[in-house]
Amino acid sequence: MGGNLVPADRHNPKGYFEDVDFLEFQRQVLQKCCDPNDPGWHDWGWTVHETLNPQLFERYSNQAEELLQKYKNNKTLWGWKDPRTTLMLDFWHNLIPHARYLFLFRYPWDVADSIKRLNAPIFTDHPEYILPIWRYYNQKLIDFYQQCPDKCILFCVNHLDRFGELIRLCQTKLNLSLPSFKAEIIQATYDRDLFHQLPPDQTIDDATAHILWQLQEAADIKGDYC
């Protein structure tokens, strides 16, 4: 979704499927709404003391409206993908009350493994940041899902190969009229060989385990979890 997508690179050879305009807007907002003196990863809206102030988002409402304007009269489905949206869900919901949300979560150990393989200096120096960020994002996701369950689908990315179930949920739960999807087109995009997964016997702290349990209990597509 989107006409100006982040290009593929060695980390994601299939591409990121992230709209550059929305990504850059949310990156800017999150950075400006965090305490610059608190260490962390402001690009993702997270600091050690979780200083992100959502009340400041309203300063950027006009910019957001300008961004949305080119889509608002669109008769077809449109949307965007950027994980940062997770921290701005209430903001966007106020601007687009009819929006529908497709939430996916990934096991924390797989997220940690993926981030470490990026070799980004911030996480090489501070690997202890990774799980708190995972908790921060996924708690925001759960909170919004519980607030607007009829507007959301929540599923584990490990079950992404169950594409037929996901399409049916979009049609039934979210009442979306979707075009016909051909299996070969889906397969051309989804490649399990590119999807790294660790064995499910990883040890995690209680706080992380609790949020993972909440995600699993709420998931619209159930499966065998660890």
Protein backbone atom coordinates (compact mmCIF):
# COMPACT_ATOMS: atom_id res chain seq x y z
CA MET A 1 0.00 0.00 0.00
CA GLY A 2 1.39 3.34 -1.02
CA GLY A 3 3.05 4.71 -4.13
CA ASN A 4 6.40 5.69 -2.65
CA LEU A 5 7.76 2.73 -0.73
CA VAL A 6 11.05 2.24 1.10
CA PRO A 7 13.24 0.26 -1.33
CA ALA A 8 14.53 -3.24 -0.65
CA ASP A 9 17.98 -3.78 0.80
CA ARG A 10 20.10 -6.67 2.06
CA HIS A 11 18.07 -6.87 5.28
CA ASN A 12 14.75 -7.09 3.42
CA PRO A 13 15.34 -8.27 -0.17
CA LYS A 14 11.58 -8.31 -0.86
CA GLY A 15 11.23 -4.72 0.36
CA TYR A 16 9.80 -3.04 3.45
CA PHE A 17 6.37 -2.12 2.03
CA GLU A 18 6.48 1.08 4.11
CA ASP A 19 5.14 4.34 2.70
CA VAL A 20 7.94 6.90 2.86
CA ASP A 21 5.61 9.86 3.50
CA PHE A 22 3.94 8.29 6.52
CA LEU A 23 7.21 6.85 7.80
CA GLU A 24 9.02 10.19 7.70
CA PHE A 25 6.08 12.03 9.25
CA GLN A 26 5.80 9.61 12.17
CA ARG A 27 9.56 9.48 12.63
CA GLN A 28 9.63 13.27 12.92
CA VAL A 29 6.72 13.41 15.38
CA LEU A 30 8.04 10.67 17.67
CA GLN A 31 11.50 12.19 17.84
CA LYS A 32 10.13 15.64 18.68
CA CYS A 33 7.73 14.32 21.33
CA CYS A 34 10.38 12.49 23.37
CA ASP A 35 12.65 14.05 25.97
CA PRO A 36 15.89 14.66 24.02
CA ASN A 37 17.91 14.28 27.20
CA ASP A 38 16.59 10.80 28.00
CA PRO A 39 18.66 8.05 26.34
CA GLY A 40 16.97 5.50 24.13
CA TRP A 41 15.97 5.21 20.48
CA HIS A 42 13.99 8.34 19.74
CA ASP A 43 13.49 7.31 16.11
CA TRP A 44 11.15 4.61 17.41
CA GLY A 45 9.60 6.89 20.07
CA TRP A 46 11.16 4.99 22.97
CA THR A 47 13.40 6.27 25.74
CA VAL A 48 14.63 4.58 28.89
CA HIS A 49 12.07 6.41 31.02
CA GLU A 50 9.37 6.24 28.31
CA THR A 51 9.10 9.98 27.95
CA LEU A 52 7.06 10.00 24.73
CA ASN A 53 4.26 12.55 25.25
CA PRO A 54 1.24 11.75 23.03
CA GLN A 55 -0.43 15.01 24.07
CA LEU A 56 2.11 16.80 21.87
CA PHE A 57 0.94 14.93 18.77
CA GLU A 58 -1.83 17.48 18.28
CA ARG A 59 0.78 20.01 17.20
CA TYR A 60 1.15 17.97 14.04
CA SER A 61 -2.52 17.52 13.21
CA ASN A 62 -2.42 19.90 10.26
CA GLN A 63 0.52 18.05 8.74
CA ALA A 64 -1.30 14.78 9.24
CA GLU A 65 -4.43 16.16 7.58
CA GLU A 66 -2.39 17.29 4.59
CA LEU A 67 -0.92 13.82 4.35
CA LEU A 68 -4.36 12.23 4.48
CA GLN A 69 -6.00 14.64 2.07
CA LYS A 70 -4.79 12.86 -1.06
CA TYR A 71 -6.56 9.69 0.13
CA LYS A 72 -9.70 10.93 1.86
CA ASN A 73 -11.92 10.88 -1.22
CA ASN A 74 -10.45 7.65 -2.50
CA LYS A 75 -13.15 5.09 -3.28
CA THR A 76 -10.73 2.16 -3.11
CA LEU A 77 -8.91 0.63 -0.18
CA TRP A 78 -5.81 2.46 0.94
CA GLY A 79 -3.54 2.47 3.93
CA TRP A 80 0.02 2.32 5.11
CA LYS A 81 2.42 0.16 7.05
CA ASP A 82 4.91 1.54 9.58
CA PRO A 83 5.45 -0.01 13.03
CA ARG A 84 5.70 3.49 14.52
CA THR A 85 1.97 3.83 13.92
CA THR A 86 1.54 1.61 17.00
CA LEU A 87 2.49 4.56 19.22
CA MET A 88 0.14 6.95 17.42
CA LEU A 89 -3.01 4.85 17.16
CA ASP A 90 -5.28 7.17 19.18
CA PHE A 91 -4.02 10.15 17.18
CA TRP A 92 -4.84 8.53 13.84
CA HIS A 93 -8.11 7.10 15.12
CA ASN A 94 -9.34 10.59 15.92
CA LEU A 95 -8.48 11.73 12.40
CA ILE A 96 -9.79 8.62 10.60
CA PRO A 97 -12.53 7.16 12.83
CA HIS A 98 -13.63 4.71 10.11
CA ALA A 99 -10.15 3.17 9.78
CA ARG A 100 -9.54 -0.56 10.21
CA TYR A 101 -6.37 -2.01 11.71
CA LEU A 102 -4.37 -5.10 10.93
CA PHE A 103 -2.06 -5.84 13.86
CA LEU A 104 0.60 -8.49 13.86
CA PHE A 105 2.98 -9.46 16.61
CA ARG A 106 6.17 -11.47 16.65
CA TYR A 107 7.73 -13.48 19.43
CA PRO A 108 10.10 -11.30 21.49
CA TRP A 109 13.10 -13.58 21.00
CA ASP A 110 12.65 -13.45 17.23
CA VAL A 111 12.39 -9.66 17.34
CA ALA A 112 15.56 -9.48 19.43
CA ASP A 113 17.35 -11.78 17.01
CA SER A 114 16.22 -9.70 14.02
CA ILE A 115 17.30 -6.40 15.59
CA LYS A 116 20.68 -7.78 16.60
CA ARG A 117 21.33 -8.92 13.04
CA LEU A 118 20.91 -5.32 11.87
CA ASN A 119 24.17 -4.50 13.67
CA ALA A 120 22.85 -1.02 14.42
CA PRO A 121 25.28 0.74 16.80
CA ILE A 122 22.52 1.74 19.25
CA PHE A 123 21.53 -1.88 19.82
CA THR A 124 25.07 -3.22 19.66
CA ASP A 125 25.93 -0.87 22.53
CA HIS A 126 22.61 -1.36 24.34
CA PRO A 127 21.12 -4.80 23.67
CA GLU A 128 19.16 -4.36 26.90
CA TYR A 129 16.93 -1.84 25.09
CA ILE A 130 15.33 -4.44 22.81
CA LEU A 131 12.87 -6.21 25.10
CA PRO A 132 11.63 -3.01 26.79
CA ILE A 133 10.88 -1.61 23.32
CA TRP A 134 9.04 -4.82 22.41
CA ARG A 135 6.97 -4.53 25.61
CA TYR A 136 6.30 -0.83 25.07
CA TYR A 137 5.02 -1.29 21.54
CA ASN A 138 2.97 -4.40 22.19
CA GLN A 139 1.34 -2.98 25.30
CA LYS A 140 0.18 0.00 23.23
CA LEU A 141 -1.13 -2.43 20.62
CA ILE A 142 -3.07 -4.47 23.20
CA ASP A 143 -4.54 -1.34 24.80
CA PHE A 144 -5.91 -0.10 21.48
CA TYR A 145 -7.15 -3.54 20.46
CA GLN A 146 -9.14 -3.81 23.69
CA GLN A 147 -10.54 -0.32 23.12
CA CYS A 148 -11.64 -1.00 19.51
CA PRO A 149 -11.80 -4.78 19.03
CA ASP A 150 -14.38 -4.56 16.24
CA LYS A 151 -12.02 -2.43 14.14
CA CYS A 152 -8.93 -4.63 14.51
CA ILE A 153 -7.50 -7.97 13.55
CA LEU A 154 -4.65 -9.28 15.69
CA PHE A 155 -2.52 -12.24 14.68
CA CYS A 156 0.94 -13.69 15.11
CA VAL A 157 3.30 -13.19 12.20
CA ASN A 158 4.37 -16.83 12.58
CA HIS A 159 0.94 -17.75 11.17
CA LEU A 160 1.24 -15.51 8.14
CA ASP A 161 1.14 -18.55 5.87
CA ARG A 162 -2.53 -18.96 6.88
CA PHE A 163 -3.36 -16.23 4.43
CA GLY A 164 -6.81 -17.55 3.56
CA GLU A 165 -7.98 -17.18 7.18
CA LEU A 166 -6.64 -13.65 7.29
CA ILE A 167 -8.49 -12.65 4.13
CA ARG A 168 -11.74 -14.14 5.45
CA LEU A 169 -11.35 -12.20 8.70
CA CYS A 170 -10.81 -8.97 6.77
CA GLN A 171 -14.02 -9.67 4.89
CA THR A 172 -16.15 -10.78 7.85
CA LYS A 173 -14.85 -9.05 10.97
CA LEU A 174 -13.73 -5.80 9.32
CA ASN A 175 -16.36 -5.87 6.56
CA LEU A 176 -13.80 -5.04 3.89
CA SER A 177 -14.48 -5.73 0.24
CA LEU A 178 -11.25 -7.24 -1.00
CA PRO A 179 -10.25 -8.04 -4.58
CA SER A 180 -9.56 -11.62 -5.55
CA PHE A 181 -6.09 -12.74 -4.54
CA LYS A 182 -4.14 -15.26 -6.57
CA ALA A 183 -2.01 -17.74 -4.68
CA GLU A 184 0.98 -17.23 -6.95
CA ILE A 185 1.00 -13.48 -6.27
CA ILE A 186 0.91 -14.08 -2.52
CA GLN A 187 3.69 -16.65 -2.75
CA ALA A 188 5.83 -14.25 -4.78
CA THR A 189 5.76 -11.86 -1.82
CA TYR A 190 5.72 -14.25 1.14
CA ASP A 191 8.82 -16.42 1.44
CA ARG A 192 9.16 -18.46 4.61
CA ASP A 193 12.85 -19.10 3.84
CA LEU A 194 13.51 -15.40 4.48
CA PHE A 195 11.68 -15.50 7.80
CA HIS A 196 14.10 -16.33 10.63
CA GLN A 197 12.67 -18.07 13.69
CA LEU A 198 14.39 -19.30 16.82
CA PRO A 199 13.34 -22.44 18.69
CA PRO A 200 10.36 -21.68 20.96
CA ASP A 201 12.17 -22.73 24.16
CA GLN A 202 13.62 -19.28 24.84
CA THR A 203 13.71 -17.81 28.35
CA ILE A 204 12.06 -14.42 28.86
CA ASP A 205 11.33 -12.29 31.90
CA ASP A 206 7.91 -12.25 33.55
CA ALA A 207 6.90 -8.82 32.23
CA THR A 208 7.60 -9.85 28.64
CA ALA A 209 5.90 -13.23 29.13
CA HIS A 210 2.75 -11.53 30.46
CA ILE A 211 2.40 -9.27 27.42
CA LEU A 212 3.04 -12.21 25.10
CA TRP A 213 0.31 -14.15 26.90
CA GLN A 214 -2.10 -11.22 26.44
CA LEU A 215 -1.33 -11.11 22.72
CA GLN A 216 -1.83 -14.83 22.34
CA GLU A 217 -5.12 -14.80 24.23
CA ALA A 218 -6.50 -11.90 22.16
CA ALA A 219 -5.28 -13.13 18.75
CA ASP A 220 -7.98 -13.53 16.11
CA ILE A 221 -6.05 -16.35 14.45
CA LYS A 222 -5.26 -18.96 17.04
CA GLY A 223 -2.43 -21.44 16.73
CA ASP A 224 0.05 -23.55 18.62
CA TYR A 225 2.16 -21.28 20.76
CA CYS A 226 5.14 -22.05 22.90
